[in-house]
Amino acid sequence: MIFAIIFLCSQFGSQVTRRLIDTSGQGAIRVSALSTLTFTLLLNILGLSYSGLPSAIFLGSSFLGMSEDHILSSRDLVWASGIFSLIFYYVLPYNQGLGGALGTSAFISCFIIYQIKKNYIPKP
């Protein structure tokens, strides 16, 4: 159950951030911050805060959504978000108090997908 929440929040965060960057004309940092704030407020209004876990996942995955289209396409974001979910679920509990863990996890997820695309997928 908890992994499903992590996975869904991760997918939602990366895709919403990417779509808002593409359509709003705002910068990536502003969109990431405002979308995370909106998501967190919505959860609090609905009484679904779960001690900040979904908000942290949304914020970390919004870092994925901030990547450029030529680095990660929308389809690649689905895979990167899945990897981010796995890292969040299995690795981050052991990094309590370690600053930058969300950004590092997002970077690792992007890096894995980018390297797979670059080195193992033939170019048309």
Protein backbone atom coordinates (compact mmCIF):
# COMPACT_ATOMS: atom_id res chain seq x y z
CA MET A 1 0.00 0.00 0.00
CA ILE A 2 2.73 2.47 0.93
CA PHE A 3 4.66 1.75 -2.28
CA ALA A 4 1.50 2.45 -4.31
CA ILE A 5 1.20 5.88 -2.64
CA ILE A 6 4.87 6.57 -3.33
CA PHE A 7 4.56 5.49 -6.96
CA LEU A 8 1.38 7.48 -7.65
CA CYS A 9 2.65 10.65 -5.97
CA SER A 10 5.91 10.34 -7.87
CA GLN A 11 4.19 9.93 -11.23
CA PHE A 12 1.78 12.75 -10.49
CA GLY A 13 4.50 15.13 -9.31
CA SER A 14 6.79 14.69 -12.29
CA GLN A 15 4.04 14.84 -14.92
CA VAL A 16 2.21 17.82 -13.41
CA THR A 17 5.43 19.77 -13.09
CA ARG A 18 6.43 19.02 -16.69
CA ARG A 19 3.00 19.97 -18.05
CA LEU A 20 2.88 23.21 -16.08
CA ILE A 21 6.36 24.20 -17.22
CA ASP A 22 5.37 23.57 -20.83
CA THR A 23 2.05 25.44 -20.65
CA SER A 24 2.42 28.21 -18.07
CA GLY A 25 5.43 30.10 -19.39
CA GLN A 26 6.89 30.19 -15.88
CA GLY A 27 10.33 28.99 -14.86
CA ALA A 28 10.95 25.45 -13.70
CA ILE A 29 11.81 26.38 -10.11
CA ARG A 30 8.71 28.53 -9.69
CA VAL A 31 6.46 25.83 -11.15
CA SER A 32 8.00 23.14 -8.93
CA ALA A 33 7.57 25.24 -5.80
CA LEU A 34 4.01 26.33 -6.58
CA SER A 35 2.83 22.88 -7.64
CA THR A 36 4.28 21.32 -4.48
CA LEU A 37 2.71 24.02 -2.33
CA THR A 38 -0.66 23.53 -4.03
CA PHE A 39 -0.43 19.75 -3.63
CA THR A 40 0.46 20.06 0.05
CA LEU A 41 -2.35 22.53 0.74
CA LEU A 42 -4.84 20.29 -1.05
CA LEU A 43 -3.78 17.29 1.04
CA ASN A 44 -4.09 19.31 4.25
CA ILE A 45 -7.54 20.59 3.28
CA LEU A 46 -8.65 17.02 2.57
CA GLY A 47 -7.03 15.78 5.80
CA LEU A 48 -4.66 13.42 3.97
CA SER A 49 -1.26 14.74 5.05
CA TYR A 50 0.22 11.40 6.31
CA SER A 51 3.03 13.21 8.14
CA GLY A 52 4.34 14.90 5.01
CA LEU A 53 5.27 11.76 3.10
CA PRO A 54 3.24 12.46 -0.08
CA SER A 55 4.42 16.08 -0.14
CA ALA A 56 8.06 15.02 0.08
CA ILE A 57 7.54 12.50 -2.72
CA PHE A 58 5.78 15.11 -4.86
CA LEU A 59 8.62 17.60 -4.29
CA GLY A 60 11.32 15.07 -5.13
CA SER A 61 9.57 13.91 -8.26
CA SER A 62 8.92 17.49 -9.34
CA PHE A 63 12.71 17.73 -9.69
CA LEU A 64 12.36 15.06 -12.37
CA GLY A 65 9.69 17.11 -14.11
CA MET A 66 12.08 20.06 -14.22
CA SER A 67 14.39 18.25 -16.65
CA GLU A 68 14.45 19.40 -20.26
CA ASP A 69 12.43 17.57 -22.92
CA HIS A 70 15.55 16.60 -24.87
CA ILE A 71 17.02 14.97 -21.76
CA LEU A 72 13.89 13.15 -20.56
CA SER A 73 10.72 12.94 -22.62
CA SER A 74 7.32 12.55 -20.96
CA ARG A 75 7.54 8.80 -21.53
CA ASP A 76 11.01 8.74 -19.97
CA LEU A 77 9.58 10.56 -16.95
CA VAL A 78 7.33 7.60 -16.27
CA TRP A 79 10.37 5.31 -16.02
CA ALA A 80 12.43 7.84 -14.06
CA SER A 81 9.55 8.32 -11.62
CA GLY A 82 9.35 4.57 -11.15
CA ILE A 83 13.05 4.43 -10.33
CA PHE A 84 12.64 7.42 -8.00
CA SER A 85 9.84 5.52 -6.23
CA LEU A 86 12.08 2.50 -5.72
CA ILE A 87 14.91 4.64 -4.38
CA PHE A 88 12.53 6.51 -2.10
CA TYR A 89 11.02 3.30 -0.77
CA TYR A 90 14.18 1.24 -0.29
CA VAL A 91 17.06 3.68 0.21
CA LEU A 92 15.83 6.93 1.74
CA PRO A 93 14.70 5.40 5.06
CA TYR A 94 18.38 4.72 5.76
CA ASN A 95 19.35 8.34 5.07
CA GLN A 96 17.51 10.01 7.95
CA GLY A 97 18.82 13.51 8.45
CA LEU A 98 20.89 13.48 5.27
CA GLY A 99 20.29 16.72 3.41
CA GLY A 100 19.72 16.67 -0.33
CA ALA A 101 18.40 13.13 -0.43
CA LEU A 102 15.39 14.01 -2.60
CA GLY A 103 17.48 15.86 -5.16
CA THR A 104 20.12 13.16 -5.19
CA SER A 105 17.46 10.49 -5.72
CA ALA A 106 15.95 12.50 -8.57
CA PHE A 107 19.39 12.94 -10.14
CA ILE A 108 20.16 9.23 -9.92
CA SER A 109 16.79 8.41 -11.52
CA CYS A 110 17.36 10.85 -14.38
CA PHE A 111 20.93 9.68 -14.85
CA ILE A 112 19.94 6.02 -15.12
CA ILE A 113 17.28 6.68 -17.76
CA TYR A 114 19.51 9.11 -19.68
CA GLN A 115 22.38 6.60 -19.79
CA ILE A 116 20.08 3.79 -20.90
CA LYS A 117 18.75 5.97 -23.72
CA LYS A 118 22.21 7.14 -24.72
CA ASN A 119 24.03 3.83 -24.61
CA TYR A 120 21.51 1.06 -25.20
CA ILE A 121 18.69 2.37 -27.36
CA PRO A 122 19.56 2.63 -31.06
CA LYS A 123 19.01 5.97 -32.73
CA PRO A 124 16.64 6.07 -35.71
